[in-house]
PDB file of N, CA and C in Angstrom:
ATOM      1  N   MET A   1    -171.289  66.732 134.847  1.00  0.00           N
ATOM      2  CA  MET A   1    -170.396  66.236 135.196  1.00  0.00           C
ATOM      3  C   MET A   1    -169.214  67.463 134.998  1.00  0.00           C
ATOM      4  N   ALA A   2    -168.448  67.945 134.299  1.00  0.00           N
ATOM      5  CA  ALA A   2    -167.506  69.186 134.514  1.00  0.00           C
ATOM      6  C   ALA A   2    -168.960  70.404 134.419  1.00  0.00           C
ATOM      7  N   GLN A   3    -168.641  71.301 135.814  1.00  0.00           N
ATOM      8  CA  GLN A   3    -169.069  72.587 135.370  1.00  0.00           C
ATOM      9  C   GLN A   3    -168.379  74.138 134.958  1.00  0.00           C
ATOM     10  N   CYS A   4    -167.241  73.754 135.254  1.00  0.00           N
ATOM     11  CA  CYS A   4    -166.225  75.337 134.515  1.00  0.00           C
ATOM     12  C   CYS A   4    -165.552  75.085 134.279  1.00  0.00           C
ATOM     13  N   ILE A   5    -164.376  75.403 133.258  1.00  0.00           N
ATOM     14  CA  ILE A   5    -162.919  75.016 133.131  1.00  0.00           C
ATOM     15  C   ILE A   5    -162.182  76.273 135.258  1.00  0.00           C
ATOM     16  N   ASP A   6    -161.269  75.321 135.457  1.00  0.00           N
ATOM     17  CA  ASP A   6    -160.998  75.962 136.871  1.00  0.00           C
ATOM     18  C   ASP A   6    -159.919  76.267 137.141  1.00  0.00           C
ATOM     19  N   HIS A   7    -158.935  75.629 135.752  1.00  0.00           N
ATOM     20  CA  HIS A   7    -158.224  76.576 135.733  1.00  0.00           C
ATOM     21  C   HIS A   7    -157.514  75.863 134.002  1.00  0.00           C
ATOM     22  N   ILE A   8    -156.274  76.491 134.017  1.00  0.00           N
ATOM     23  CA  ILE A   8    -155.259  76.220 132.726  1.00  0.00           C
ATOM     24  C   ILE A   8    -153.714  76.884 132.799  1.00  0.00           C
ATOM     25  N   GLU A   9    -153.091  75.738 133.196  1.00  0.00           N
ATOM     26  CA  GLU A   9    -151.720  75.079 133.792  1.00  0.00           C
ATOM     27  C   GLU A   9    -150.531  75.817 132.368  1.00  0.00           C
ATOM     28  N   LEU A  10    -149.772  76.583 132.150  1.00  0.00           N
ATOM     29  CA  LEU A  10    -148.634  77.563 131.599  1.00  0.00           C
ATOM     30  C   LEU A  10    -147.590  77.568 132.151  1.00  0.00           C
ATOM     31  N   ILE A  11    -146.389  76.052 131.655  1.00  0.00           N
ATOM     32  CA  ILE A  11    -145.471  75.864 131.834  1.00  0.00           C
ATOM     33  C   ILE A  11    -144.338  77.392 131.350  1.00  0.00           C
ATOM     34  N   VAL A  12    -143.916  78.330 131.971  1.00  0.00           N
ATOM     35  CA  VAL A  12    -143.127  78.900 130.811  1.00  0.00           C
ATOM     36  C   VAL A  12    -141.545  79.033 131.586  1.00  0.00           C
ATOM     37  N   SER A  13    -140.664  79.782 130.722  1.00  0.00           N
ATOM     38  CA  SER A  13    -139.696  79.391 131.031  1.00  0.00           C
ATOM     39  C   SER A  13    -139.004  80.916 132.305  1.00  0.00           C
ATOM     40  N   ASP A  14    -139.763  81.765 132.220  1.00  0.00           N
ATOM     41  CA  ASP A  14    -139.997  82.971 133.692  1.00  0.00           C
ATOM     42  C   ASP A  14    -141.712  84.102 133.864  1.00  0.00           C
ATOM     43  N   VAL A  15    -141.856  83.514 135.175  1.00  0.00           N
ATOM     44  CA  VAL A  15    -142.838  83.914 135.281  1.00  0.00           C
ATOM     45  C   VAL A  15    -142.966  85.828 135.277  1.00  0.00           C
ATOM     46  N   GLU A  16    -141.902  85.774 135.458  1.00  0.00           N
ATOM     47  CA  GLU A  16    -142.052  87.251 135.621  1.00  0.00           C
ATOM     48  C   GLU A  16    -142.861  87.958 134.856  1.00  0.00           C
ATOM     49  N   PRO A  17    -142.280  87.706 133.331  1.00  0.00           N
ATOM     50  CA  PRO A  17    -142.373  87.974 132.748  1.00  0.00           C
ATOM     51  C   PRO A  17    -144.447  88.396 131.650  1.00  0.00           C
ATOM     52  N   TYR A  18    -144.950  86.943 132.449  1.00  0.00           N
ATOM     53  CA  TYR A  18    -146.090  86.305 132.043  1.00  0.00           C
ATOM     54  C   TYR A  18    -147.129  87.131 133.240  1.00  0.00           C
ATOM     55  N   VAL A  19    -146.303  87.476 134.147  1.00  0.00           N
ATOM     56  CA  VAL A  19    -147.671  88.427 135.344  1.00  0.00           C
ATOM     57  C   VAL A  19    -147.181  89.326 134.936  1.00  0.00           C
ATOM     58  N   GLN A  20    -146.726  90.475 134.412  1.00  0.00           N
ATOM     59  CA  GLN A  20    -146.691  91.515 133.712  1.00  0.00           C
ATOM     60  C   GLN A  20    -147.733  91.519 132.805  1.00  0.00           C
ATOM     61  N   LEU A  21    -147.899  91.002 131.743  1.00  0.00           N
ATOM     62  CA  LEU A  21    -148.585  90.695 130.526  1.00  0.00           C
ATOM     63  C   LEU A  21    -149.676  90.265 131.175  1.00  0.00           C
ATOM     64  N   PHE A  22    -150.131  89.280 132.140  1.00  0.00           N
ATOM     65  CA  PHE A  22    -151.171  88.848 131.945  1.00  0.00           C
ATOM     66  C   PHE A  22    -152.347  90.397 132.209  1.00  0.00           C
ATOM     67  N   GLU A  23    -151.861  90.922 134.427  1.00  0.00           N
ATOM     68  CA  GLU A  23    -151.592  92.388 134.698  1.00  0.00           C
ATOM     69  C   GLU A  23    -152.460  93.229 133.613  1.00  0.00           C
ATOM     70  N   LYS A  24    -151.682  92.634 132.630  1.00  0.00           N
ATOM     71  CA  LYS A  24    -152.252  94.456 131.901  1.00  0.00           C
ATOM     72  C   LYS A  24    -153.064  93.785 130.496  1.00  0.00           C
ATOM     73  N   LEU A  25    -153.400  93.156 130.542  1.00  0.00           N
ATOM     74  CA  LEU A  25    -154.606  91.996 130.255  1.00  0.00           C
ATOM     75  C   LEU A  25    -155.815  92.351 130.959  1.00  0.00           C
ATOM     76  N   GLY A  26    -155.293  93.176 131.967  1.00  0.00           N
ATOM     77  CA  GLY A  26    -156.674  92.473 133.159  1.00  0.00           C
ATOM     78  C   GLY A  26    -156.691  92.024 134.125  1.00  0.00           C
ATOM     79  N   PHE A  27    -156.180  91.373 134.621  1.00  0.00           N
ATOM     80  CA  PHE A  27    -155.852  90.222 134.844  1.00  0.00           C
ATOM     81  C   PHE A  27    -155.328  90.408 136.581  1.00  0.00           C
ATOM     82  N   LYS A  28    -155.285  89.712 137.815  1.00  0.00           N
ATOM     83  CA  LYS A  28    -155.743  90.280 139.393  1.00  0.00           C
ATOM     84  C   LYS A  28    -154.798  88.740 139.606  1.00  0.00           C
ATOM     85  N   LEU A  29    -152.848  89.196 140.079  1.00  0.00           N
ATOM     86  CA  LEU A  29    -152.158  87.894 140.524  1.00  0.00           C
ATOM     87  C   LEU A  29    -153.652  87.086 141.829  1.00  0.00           C
ATOM     88  N   LEU A  30    -153.456  86.298 142.456  1.00  0.00           N
ATOM     89  CA  LEU A  30    -154.640  85.732 143.066  1.00  0.00           C
ATOM     90  C   LEU A  30    -153.190  85.629 144.169  1.00  0.00           C
ATOM     91  N   THR A  31    -152.105  83.963 143.984  1.00  0.00           N
ATOM     92  CA  THR A  31    -151.656  83.849 144.340  1.00  0.00           C
ATOM     93  C   THR A  31    -150.070  83.471 144.224  1.00  0.00           C
ATOM     94  N   ARG A  32    -149.381  83.120 145.013  1.00  0.00           N
ATOM     95  CA  ARG A  32    -147.466  83.773 144.709  1.00  0.00           C
ATOM     96  C   ARG A  32    -147.369  82.508 145.675  1.00  0.00           C
ATOM     97  N   THR A  33    -146.609  81.102 144.457  1.00  0.00           N
ATOM     98  CA  THR A  33    -146.017  79.270 145.540  1.00  0.00           C
ATOM     99  C   THR A  33    -144.738  79.649 144.890  1.00  0.00           C
ATOM    100  N   SER A  34    -144.469  78.947 145.855  1.00  0.00           N
ATOM    101  CA  SER A  34    -143.125  78.067 145.311  1.00  0.00           C
ATOM    102  C   SER A  34    -143.540  75.641 144.125  1.00  0.00           C
ATOM    103  N   HIS A  35    -145.178  76.635 145.005  1.00  0.00           N
ATOM    104  CA  HIS A  35    -146.245  75.142 143.993  1.00  0.00           C
ATOM    105  C   HIS A  35    -144.629  75.017 142.279  1.00  0.00           C
ATOM    106  N   HIS A  36    -143.418  73.862 142.185  1.00  0.00           N
ATOM    107  CA  HIS A  36    -143.440  73.629 140.990  1.00  0.00           C
ATOM    108  C   HIS A  36    -141.729  74.290 140.878  1.00  0.00           C
ATOM    109  N   GLY A  37    -141.139  74.910 142.029  1.00  0.00           N
ATOM    110  CA  GLY A  37    -140.825  75.571 142.501  1.00  0.00           C
ATOM    111  C   GLY A  37    -140.874  77.619 141.959  1.00  0.00           C
ATOM    112  N   GLU A  38    -141.498  78.034 140.826  1.00  0.00           N
ATOM    113  CA  GLU A  38    -142.158  79.192 141.093  1.00  0.00           C
ATOM    114  C   GLU A  38    -143.624  78.922 140.087  1.00  0.00           C
ATOM    115  N   SER A  39    -143.960  79.454 141.479  1.00  0.00           N
ATOM    116  CA  SER A  39    -145.832  79.471 140.562  1.00  0.00           C
ATOM    117  C   SER A  39    -147.176  80.793 140.826  1.00  0.00           C
ATOM    118  N   VAL A  40    -147.697  80.958 139.942  1.00  0.00           N
ATOM    119  CA  VAL A  40    -148.277  82.453 140.179  1.00  0.00           C
ATOM    120  C   VAL A  40    -150.141  81.852 140.026  1.00  0.00           C
ATOM    121  N   GLU A  41    -150.875  82.271 140.124  1.00  0.00           N
ATOM    122  CA  GLU A  41    -152.263  82.085 140.447  1.00  0.00           C
ATOM    123  C   GLU A  41    -152.833  83.610 139.392  1.00  0.00           C
ATOM    124  N   LEU A  42    -153.019  84.005 137.940  1.00  0.00           N
ATOM    125  CA  LEU A  42    -153.832  85.108 137.815  1.00  0.00           C
ATOM    126  C   LEU A  42    -155.519  84.786 137.582  1.00  0.00           C
ATOM    127  N   GLN A  43    -156.132  85.366 137.418  1.00  0.00           N
ATOM    128  CA  GLN A  43    -157.679  85.711 137.092  1.00  0.00           C
ATOM    129  C   GLN A  43    -158.541  86.833 136.422  1.00  0.00           C
ATOM    130  N   LEU A  44    -159.075  86.832 135.793  1.00  0.00           N
ATOM    131  CA  LEU A  44    -160.168  88.046 135.033  1.00  0.00           C
ATOM    132  C   LEU A  44    -160.773  88.263 136.552  1.00  0.00           C
ATOM    133  N   PRO A  45    -161.168  89.590 136.502  1.00  0.00           N
ATOM    134  CA  PRO A  45    -162.400  89.856 137.804  1.00  0.00           C
ATOM    135  C   PRO A  45    -163.394  88.933 136.891  1.00  0.00           C
ATOM    136  N   GLY A  46    -164.703  89.331 137.986  1.00  0.00           N
ATOM    137  CA  GLY A  46    -166.315  87.753 136.752  1.00  0.00           C
ATOM    138  C   GLY A  46    -166.460  87.213 138.094  1.00  0.00           C
ATOM    139  N   PRO A  47    -167.350  86.377 138.146  1.00  0.00           N
ATOM    140  CA  PRO A  47    -167.733  85.767 138.051  1.00  0.00           C
ATOM    141  C   PRO A  47    -166.912  84.413 138.044  1.00  0.00           C
ATOM    142  N   ASN A  48    -167.300  83.013 137.860  1.00  0.00           N
ATOM    143  CA  ASN A  48    -166.799  82.144 136.928  1.00  0.00           C
ATOM    144  C   ASN A  48    -165.607  81.920 136.389  1.00  0.00           C
ATOM    145  N   GLN A  49    -164.405  82.791 136.544  1.00  0.00           N
ATOM    146  CA  GLN A  49    -163.307  82.920 135.432  1.00  0.00           C
ATOM    147  C   GLN A  49    -162.253  81.717 136.318  1.00  0.00           C
ATOM    148  N   PRO A  50    -161.617  81.645 134.517  1.00  0.00           N
ATOM    149  CA  PRO A  50    -160.289  80.655 135.073  1.00  0.00           C
ATOM    150  C   PRO A  50    -159.517  80.870 135.559  1.00  0.00           C
ATOM    151  N   ILE A  51    -158.657  80.204 135.940  1.00  0.00           N
ATOM    152  CA  ILE A  51    -157.604  80.612 136.882  1.00  0.00           C
ATOM    153  C   ILE A  51    -156.885  79.873 135.543  1.00  0.00           C
ATOM    154  N   PHE A  52    -155.824  81.296 135.804  1.00  0.00           N
ATOM    155  CA  PHE A  52    -154.351  80.869 134.592  1.00  0.00           C
ATOM    156  C   PHE A  52    -153.177  80.085 135.572  1.00  0.00           C
ATOM    157  N   GLU A  53    -152.987  78.647 136.127  1.00  0.00           N
ATOM    158  CA  GLU A  53    -151.858  78.871 136.990  1.00  0.00           C
ATOM    159  C   GLU A  53    -150.266  78.408 136.370  1.00  0.00           C
ATOM    160  N   ILE A  54    -149.774  79.619 136.438  1.00  0.00           N
ATOM    161  CA  ILE A  54    -148.373  79.334 135.106  1.00  0.00           C
ATOM    162  C   ILE A  54    -147.284  79.606 136.118  1.00  0.00           C
ATOM    163  N   HIS A  55    -146.724  78.238 136.295  1.00  0.00           N
ATOM    164  CA  HIS A  55    -145.532  77.916 136.982  1.00  0.00           C
ATOM    165  C   HIS A  55    -143.631  77.528 135.441  1.00  0.00           C
ATOM    166  N   GLN A  56    -142.997  77.915 136.631  1.00  0.00           N
ATOM    167  CA  GLN A  56    -141.318  77.610 135.969  1.00  0.00           C
ATOM    168  C   GLN A  56    -141.604  76.691 135.101  1.00  0.00           C
ATOM    169  N   VAL A  57    -140.740  75.902 134.272  1.00  0.00           N
ATOM    170  CA  VAL A  57    -139.966  74.492 134.075  1.00  0.00           C
ATOM    171  C   VAL A  57    -139.206  74.546 134.647  1.00  0.00           C
ATOM    172  N   GLY A  58    -139.110  73.451 134.782  1.00  0.00           N
ATOM    173  CA  GLY A  58    -138.583  72.294 135.999  1.00  0.00           C
ATOM    174  C   GLY A  58    -138.107  70.908 135.061  1.00  0.00           C
ATOM    175  N   GLY A  59    -136.994  70.644 135.278  1.00  0.00           N
ATOM    176  CA  GLY A  59    -136.823  68.777 135.126  1.00  0.00           C
ATOM    177  C   GLY A  59    -137.327  68.799 134.089  1.00  0.00           C
ATOM    178  N   GLU A  60    -138.204  67.932 133.407  1.00  0.00           N
ATOM    179  CA  GLU A  60    -138.157  67.211 131.563  1.00  0.00           C
ATOM    180  C   GLU A  60    -139.513  67.994 131.409  1.00  0.00           C
ATOM    181  N   GLU A  61    -140.403  68.681 132.064  1.00  0.00           N
ATOM    182  CA  GLU A  61    -141.620  69.584 131.561  1.00  0.00           C
ATOM    183  C   GLU A  61    -140.797  70.009 130.732  1.00  0.00           C
ATOM    184  N   ASN A  62    -142.203  70.720 129.216  1.00  0.00           N
ATOM    185  CA  ASN A  62    -141.700  71.330 127.751  1.00  0.00           C
ATOM    186  C   ASN A  62    -142.417  72.388 128.243  1.00  0.00           C
ATOM    187  N   ILE A  63    -142.074  73.793 127.564  1.00  0.00           N
ATOM    188  CA  ILE A  63    -142.540  74.690 127.697  1.00  0.00           C
ATOM    189  C   ILE A  63    -143.698  74.817 126.829  1.00  0.00           C
ATOM    190  N   GLY A  64    -144.933  75.359 127.204  1.00  0.00           N
ATOM    191  CA  GLY A  64    -146.514  75.104 127.109  1.00  0.00           C
ATOM    192  C   GLY A  64    -147.578  74.917 128.352  1.00  0.00           C
ATOM    193  N   VAL A  65    -148.599  74.710 127.537  1.00  0.00           N
ATOM    194  CA  VAL A  65    -150.346  73.755 127.874  1.00  0.00           C
ATOM    195  C   VAL A  65    -149.869  72.772 128.083  1.00  0.00           C
ATOM    196  N   ASN A  66    -149.367  72.515 130.268  1.00  0.00           N
ATOM    197  CA  ASN A  66    -149.348  71.104 130.863  1.00  0.00           C
ATOM    198  C   ASN A  66    -150.815  70.654 130.706  1.00  0.00           C
ATOM    199  N   HIS A  67    -151.755  71.062 130.667  1.00  0.00           N
ATOM    200  CA  HIS A  67    -153.257  70.366 130.768  1.00  0.00           C
ATOM    201  C   HIS A  67    -154.694  71.576 131.170  1.00  0.00           C
ATOM    202  N   ILE A  68    -155.734  71.320 131.041  1.00  0.00           N
ATOM    203  CA  ILE A  68    -156.458  72.475 130.981  1.00  0.00           C
ATOM    204  C   ILE A  68    -157.245  71.533 132.483  1.00  0.00           C
ATOM    205  N   ALA A  69    -158.048  72.076 133.520  1.00  0.00           N
ATOM    206  CA  ALA A  69    -158.898  70.864 134.728  1.00  0.00           C
ATOM    207  C   ALA A  69    -160.174  71.860 134.393  1.00  0.00           C
ATOM    208  N   PHE A  70    -161.158  70.428 134.461  1.00  0.00           N
ATOM    209  CA  PHE A  70    -162.653  71.098 134.548  1.00  0.00           C
ATOM    210  C   PHE A  70    -162.842  70.665 135.412  1.00  0.00           C
ATOM    211  N   GLN A  71    -163.545  71.531 136.309  1.00  0.00           N
ATOM    212  CA  GLN A  71    -164.216  71.656 137.954  1.00  0.00           C
ATOM    213  C   GLN A  71    -165.350  71.067 137.757  1.00  0.00           C
ATOM    214  N   VAL A  72    -164.995  69.681 138.934  1.00  0.00           N
ATOM    215  CA  VAL A  72    -166.355  68.925 139.240  1.00  0.00           C
ATOM    216  C   VAL A  72    -167.016  68.876 140.614  1.00  0.00           C
ATOM    217  N   ASP A  73    -167.879  68.986 141.401  1.00  0.00           N
ATOM    218  CA  ASP A  73    -168.314  69.411 142.066  1.00  0.00           C
ATOM    219  C   ASP A  73    -167.524  67.945 142.756  1.00  0.00           C
ATOM    220  N   ASP A  74    -167.318  66.759 142.779  1.00  0.00           N
ATOM    221  CA  ASP A  74    -166.585  66.243 143.841  1.00  0.00           C
ATOM    222  C   ASP A  74    -165.911  65.114 142.936  1.00  0.00           C
ATOM    223  N   ALA A  75    -164.900  65.353 143.310  1.00  0.00           N
ATOM    224  CA  ALA A  75    -163.079  64.833 141.765  1.00  0.00           C
ATOM    225  C   ALA A  75    -162.765  62.975 142.718  1.00  0.00           C
ATOM    226  N   HIS A  76    -163.313  62.722 143.609  1.00  0.00           N
ATOM    227  CA  HIS A  76    -163.237  61.398 143.941  1.00  0.00           C
ATOM    228  C   HIS A  76    -164.979  60.617 142.589  1.00  0.00           C
ATOM    229  N   GLN A  77    -165.882  61.568 142.427  1.00  0.00           N
ATOM    230  CA  GLN A  77    -167.152  60.477 142.307  1.00  0.00           C
ATOM    231  C   GLN A  77    -166.936  60.197 140.610  1.00  0.00           C
ATOM    232  N   ALA A  78    -166.197  61.750 139.906  1.00  0.00           N
ATOM    233  CA  ALA A  78    -166.421  61.867 139.112  1.00  0.00           C
ATOM    234  C   ALA A  78    -164.809  61.126 138.539  1.00  0.00           C
ATOM    235  N   TYR A  79    -164.267  60.550 139.662  1.00  0.00           N
ATOM    236  CA  TYR A  79    -163.142  59.699 138.868  1.00  0.00           C
ATOM    237  C   TYR A  79    -163.325  58.894 138.774  1.00  0.00           C
ATOM    238  N   GLU A  80    -164.867  57.946 139.780  1.00  0.00           N
ATOM    239  CA  GLU A  80    -164.755  56.292 139.636  1.00  0.00           C
ATOM    240  C   GLU A  80    -165.390  56.391 138.564  1.00  0.00           C
ATOM    241  N   GLU A  81    -166.099  57.549 137.883  1.00  0.00           N
ATOM    242  CA  GLU A  81    -168.278  57.300 136.783  1.00  0.00           C
ATOM    243  C   GLU A  81    -166.882  56.853 135.368  1.00  0.00           C
ATOM    244  N   LEU A  82    -166.023  57.924 135.198  1.00  0.00           N
ATOM    245  CA  LEU A  82    -165.192  58.047 134.156  1.00  0.00           C
ATOM    246  C   LEU A  82    -163.775  56.276 134.192  1.00  0.00           C
ATOM    247  N   LYS A  83    -163.976  56.156 134.989  1.00  0.00           N
ATOM    248  CA  LYS A  83    -162.663  54.771 135.054  1.00  0.00           C
ATOM    249  C   LYS A  83    -164.180  53.940 134.894  1.00  0.00           C
ATOM    250  N   ASN A  84    -164.980  54.084 135.487  1.00  0.00           N
ATOM    251  CA  ASN A  84    -166.209  53.165 134.782  1.00  0.00           C
ATOM    252  C   ASN A  84    -166.348  53.314 133.507  1.00  0.00           C
ATOM    253  N   ALA A  85    -166.497  54.102 132.603  1.00  0.00           N
ATOM    254  CA  ALA A  85    -166.600  55.073 131.079  1.00  0.00           C
ATOM    255  C   ALA A  85    -165.585  54.413 130.893  1.00  0.00           C
ATOM    256  N   GLY A  86    -164.511  53.665 131.328  1.00  0.00           N
ATOM    257  CA  GLY A  86    -162.948  53.856 130.508  1.00  0.00           C
ATOM    258  C   GLY A  86    -162.184  54.822 129.701  1.00  0.00           C
ATOM    259  N   VAL A  87    -163.000  56.084 131.004  1.00  0.00           N
ATOM    260  CA  VAL A  87    -161.959  56.752 130.721  1.00  0.00           C
ATOM    261  C   VAL A  87    -160.464  56.530 131.061  1.00  0.00           C
ATOM    262  N   THR A  88    -159.300  56.683 130.626  1.00  0.00           N
ATOM    263  CA  THR A  88    -157.526  56.432 130.929  1.00  0.00           C
ATOM    264  C   THR A  88    -157.195  57.726 132.342  1.00  0.00           C
ATOM    265  N   PHE A  89    -156.730  57.548 133.161  1.00  0.00           N
ATOM    266  CA  PHE A  89    -156.480  58.105 134.547  1.00  0.00           C
ATOM    267  C   PHE A  89    -154.884  57.637 134.987  1.00  0.00           C
ATOM    268  N   ASP A  90    -153.809  58.609 134.929  1.00  0.00           N
ATOM    269  CA  ASP A  90    -152.518  58.278 135.130  1.00  0.00           C
ATOM    270  C   ASP A  90    -152.372  58.502 137.103  1.00  0.00           C
ATOM    271  N   GLY A  91    -154.018  57.668 137.825  1.00  0.00           N
ATOM    272  CA  GLY A  91    -153.460  57.382 139.342  1.00  0.00           C
ATOM    273  C   GLY A  91    -154.572  58.253 139.862  1.00  0.00           C
ATOM    274  N   GLY A  92    -154.976  57.956 140.925  1.00  0.00           N
ATOM    275  CA  GLY A  92    -156.516  57.953 141.800  1.00  0.00           C
ATOM    276  C   GLY A  92    -156.404  59.491 141.880  1.00  0.00           C
ATOM    277  N   PRO A  93    -157.194  60.491 142.215  1.00  0.00           N
ATOM    278  CA  PRO A  93    -157.238  61.594 143.136  1.00  0.00           C
ATOM    279  C   PRO A  93    -156.130  61.879 143.887  1.00  0.00           C
ATOM    280  N   THR A  94    -155.715  63.293 144.424  1.00  0.00           N
ATOM    281  CA  THR A  94    -154.715  63.918 145.059  1.00  0.00           C
ATOM    282  C   THR A  94    -154.931  64.575 145.178  1.00  0.00           C
ATOM    283  N   PHE A  95    -154.652  65.003 146.555  1.00  0.00           N
ATOM    284  CA  PHE A  95    -154.866  66.907 146.558  1.00  0.00           C
ATOM    285  C   PHE A  95    -152.929  66.888 146.554  1.00  0.00           C
ATOM    286  N   VAL A  96    -153.693  68.107 146.037  1.00  0.00           N
ATOM    287  CA  VAL A  96    -151.644  69.387 145.972  1.00  0.00           C
ATOM    288  C   VAL A  96    -152.377  70.610 147.654  1.00  0.00           C
ATOM    289  N   GLU A  97    -151.068  70.260 147.645  1.00  0.00           N
ATOM    290  CA  GLU A  97    -151.024  71.153 149.038  1.00  0.00           C
ATOM    291  C   GLU A  97    -151.407  72.553 148.502  1.00  0.00           C
ATOM    292  N   ALA A  98    -149.947  72.581 147.944  1.00  0.00           N
ATOM    293  CA  ALA A  98    -148.923  73.439 146.624  1.00  0.00           C
ATOM    294  C   ALA A  98    -150.616  75.031 146.627  1.00  0.00           C
ATOM    295  N   SER A  99    -151.235  73.911 145.497  1.00  0.00           N
ATOM    296  CA  SER A  99    -151.891  75.152 145.023  1.00  0.00           C
ATOM    297  C   SER A  99    -153.941  75.736 145.763  1.00  0.00           C
ATOM    298  N   GLY A 100    -153.688  73.583 146.827  1.00  0.00           N
ATOM    299  CA  GLY A 100    -155.143  73.570 147.840  1.00  0.00           C
ATOM    300  C   GLY A 100    -156.130  72.879 146.864  1.00  0.00           C
ATOM    301  N   ARG A 101    -155.496  72.007 145.846  1.00  0.00           N
ATOM    302  CA  ARG A 101    -156.780  71.716 145.503  1.00  0.00           C
ATOM    303  C   ARG A 101    -156.950  70.525 144.811  1.00  0.00           C
ATOM    304  N   LEU A 102    -157.979  69.070 145.107  1.00  0.00           N
ATOM    305  CA  LEU A 102    -158.226  67.782 144.833  1.00  0.00           C
ATOM    306  C   LEU A 102    -158.057  67.773 143.592  1.00  0.00           C
ATOM    307  N   VAL A 103    -156.975  66.953 142.465  1.00  0.00           N
ATOM    308  CA  VAL A 103    -156.819  66.785 141.562  1.00  0.00           C
ATOM    309  C   VAL A 103    -156.843  65.569 140.963  1.00  0.00           C
ATOM    310  N   VAL A 104    -157.249  65.354 139.768  1.00  0.00           N
ATOM    311  CA  VAL A 104    -157.157  63.496 139.053  1.00  0.00           C
ATOM    312  C   VAL A 104    -156.675  63.774 137.959  1.00  0.00           C
ATOM    313  N   ASN A 105    -155.183  63.156 137.431  1.00  0.00           N
ATOM    314  CA  ASN A 105    -155.480  63.249 135.826  1.00  0.00           C
ATOM    315  C   ASN A 105    -155.301  62.200 134.967  1.00  0.00           C
ATOM    316  N   PHE A 106    -155.998  63.002 133.706  1.00  0.00           N
ATOM    317  CA  PHE A 106    -156.370  61.140 133.097  1.00  0.00           C
ATOM    318  C   PHE A 106    -156.208  62.140 131.677  1.00  0.00           C
ATOM    319  N   ARG A 107    -156.196  61.518 130.056  1.00  0.00           N
ATOM    320  CA  ARG A 107    -155.358  61.817 128.743  1.00  0.00           C
ATOM    321  C   ARG A 107    -156.807  61.498 128.268  1.00  0.00           C
ATOM    322  N   ASP A 108    -156.819  62.106 127.059  1.00  0.00           N
ATOM    323  CA  ASP A 108    -157.445  63.224 126.315  1.00  0.00           C
ATOM    324  C   ASP A 108    -156.742  61.668 125.585  1.00  0.00           C
ATOM    325  N   PRO A 109    -157.742  61.197 123.745  1.00  0.00           N
ATOM    326  CA  PRO A 109    -157.528  60.227 122.840  1.00  0.00           C
ATOM    327  C   PRO A 109    -156.165  60.201 122.282  1.00  0.00           C
ATOM    328  N   ASP A 110    -156.407  61.599 121.967  1.00  0.00           N
ATOM    329  CA  ASP A 110    -154.609  61.764 121.842  1.00  0.00           C
ATOM    330  C   ASP A 110    -152.817  61.494 122.959  1.00  0.00           C
ATOM    331  N   GLY A 111    -153.865  61.477 123.958  1.00  0.00           N
ATOM    332  CA  GLY A 111    -152.434  61.832 124.915  1.00  0.00           C
ATOM    333  C   GLY A 111    -152.325  63.147 125.726  1.00  0.00           C
ATOM    334  N   TRP A 112    -153.211  63.887 125.366  1.00  0.00           N
ATOM    335  CA  TRP A 112    -152.691  64.841 125.820  1.00  0.00           C
ATOM    336  C   TRP A 112    -153.601  64.443 127.215  1.00  0.00           C
ATOM    337  N   ARG A 113    -152.312  65.563 128.753  1.00  0.00           N
ATOM    338  CA  ARG A 113    -153.421  65.642 129.705  1.00  0.00           C
ATOM    339  C   ARG A 113    -154.141  66.380 130.267  1.00  0.00           C
ATOM    340  N   LEU A 114    -155.752  65.939 130.403  1.00  0.00           N
ATOM    341  CA  LEU A 114    -156.562  66.802 131.247  1.00  0.00           C
ATOM    342  C   LEU A 114    -156.120  66.553 132.563  1.00  0.00           C
ATOM    343  N   GLN A 115    -157.322  67.292 133.842  1.00  0.00           N
ATOM    344  CA  GLN A 115    -157.553  67.185 134.993  1.00  0.00           C
ATOM    345  C   GLN A 115    -159.096  67.198 135.479  1.00  0.00           C
ATOM    346  N   LEU A 116    -159.318  66.902 136.515  1.00  0.00           N
ATOM    347  CA  LEU A 116    -160.361  67.026 137.661  1.00  0.00           C
ATOM    348  C   LEU A 116    -160.541  67.955 138.168  1.00  0.00           C
ATOM    349  N   ALA A 117    -160.929  68.900 138.470  1.00  0.00           N
ATOM    350  CA  ALA A 117    -160.203  69.706 140.086  1.00  0.00           C
ATOM    351  C   ALA A 117    -161.281  69.976 141.335  1.00  0.00           C
ATOM    352  N   ASP A 118    -161.401  69.320 142.279  1.00  0.00           N
ATOM    353  CA  ASP A 118    -162.476  69.855 142.384  1.00  0.00           C
ATOM    354  C   ASP A 118    -163.079  70.836 143.975  1.00  0.00           C
ATOM    355  N   ALA A 119    -164.093  70.728 142.876  1.00  0.00           N
ATOM    356  CA  ALA A 119    -164.809  72.181 143.616  1.00  0.00           C
ATOM    357  C   ALA A 119    -164.530  73.551 144.762  1.00  0.00           C
ATOM    358  N   LYS A 120    -164.750  72.061 146.188  1.00  0.00           N
ATOM    359  CA  LYS A 120    -164.143  72.538 147.232  1.00  0.00           C
ATOM    360  C   LYS A 120    -162.472  72.578 147.012  1.00  0.00           C
ATOM    361  N   ARG A 121    -162.184  74.010 147.341  1.00  0.00           N
ATOM    362  CA  ARG A 121    -160.652  73.670 147.159  1.00  0.00           C
ATOM    363  C   ARG A 121    -160.230  74.943 148.765  1.00  0.00           C
ATOM    364  N   LYS A 122    -159.555  74.117 149.120  1.00  0.00           N
ATOM    365  CA  LYS A 122    -158.431  75.205 149.951  1.00  0.00           C
ATOM    366  C   LYS A 122    -157.717  75.857 150.092  1.00  0.00           C
ATOM    367  N   PRO A 123    -156.738  77.195 151.471  1.00  0.00           N
ATOM    368  CA  PRO A 123    -156.362  78.499 150.781  1.00  0.00           C
ATOM    369  C   PRO A 123    -154.675  77.499 150.230  1.00  0.00           C
ATOM    370  N   PRO A 124    -153.974  77.644 149.421  1.00  0.00           N
ATOM    371  CA  PRO A 124    -153.060  77.442 149.087  1.00  0.00           C
ATOM    372  C   PRO A 124    -151.508  77.159 151.096  1.00  0.00           C
ATOM    373  N   GLN A 125    -151.200  75.905 150.854  1.00  0.00           N
ATOM    374  CA  GLN A 125    -150.088  76.356 151.876  1.00  0.00           C
ATOM    375  C   GLN A 125    -148.553  76.082 151.263  1.00  0.00           C
TER     376      GLN A 125
END
């Protein structure tokens, strides 16, 4: 089912200080979009490194970790298998143009959001 961690999404008060910190840690800036107001994706060099998706707080979101996303071969198939196994989802698979990902959100036993992200990704819009 899950192949690796696809990305970890952080909600922050200001994106730019995080870009500077992560670049000092060796991360490379992959994208900068208007997703969630302002959003960046950073990743360490090398194979199978998770992406850190960092976006500015907006609306009723809280600063901190928003979710961890697990990469799967087929988000639709994984959704059906897990739904049939009793996992509670927030809705069905949804394509997010700003990130180029087909994702589906679900909850862990304590109610925290987790996500499945389809391995086939398109360029962000």
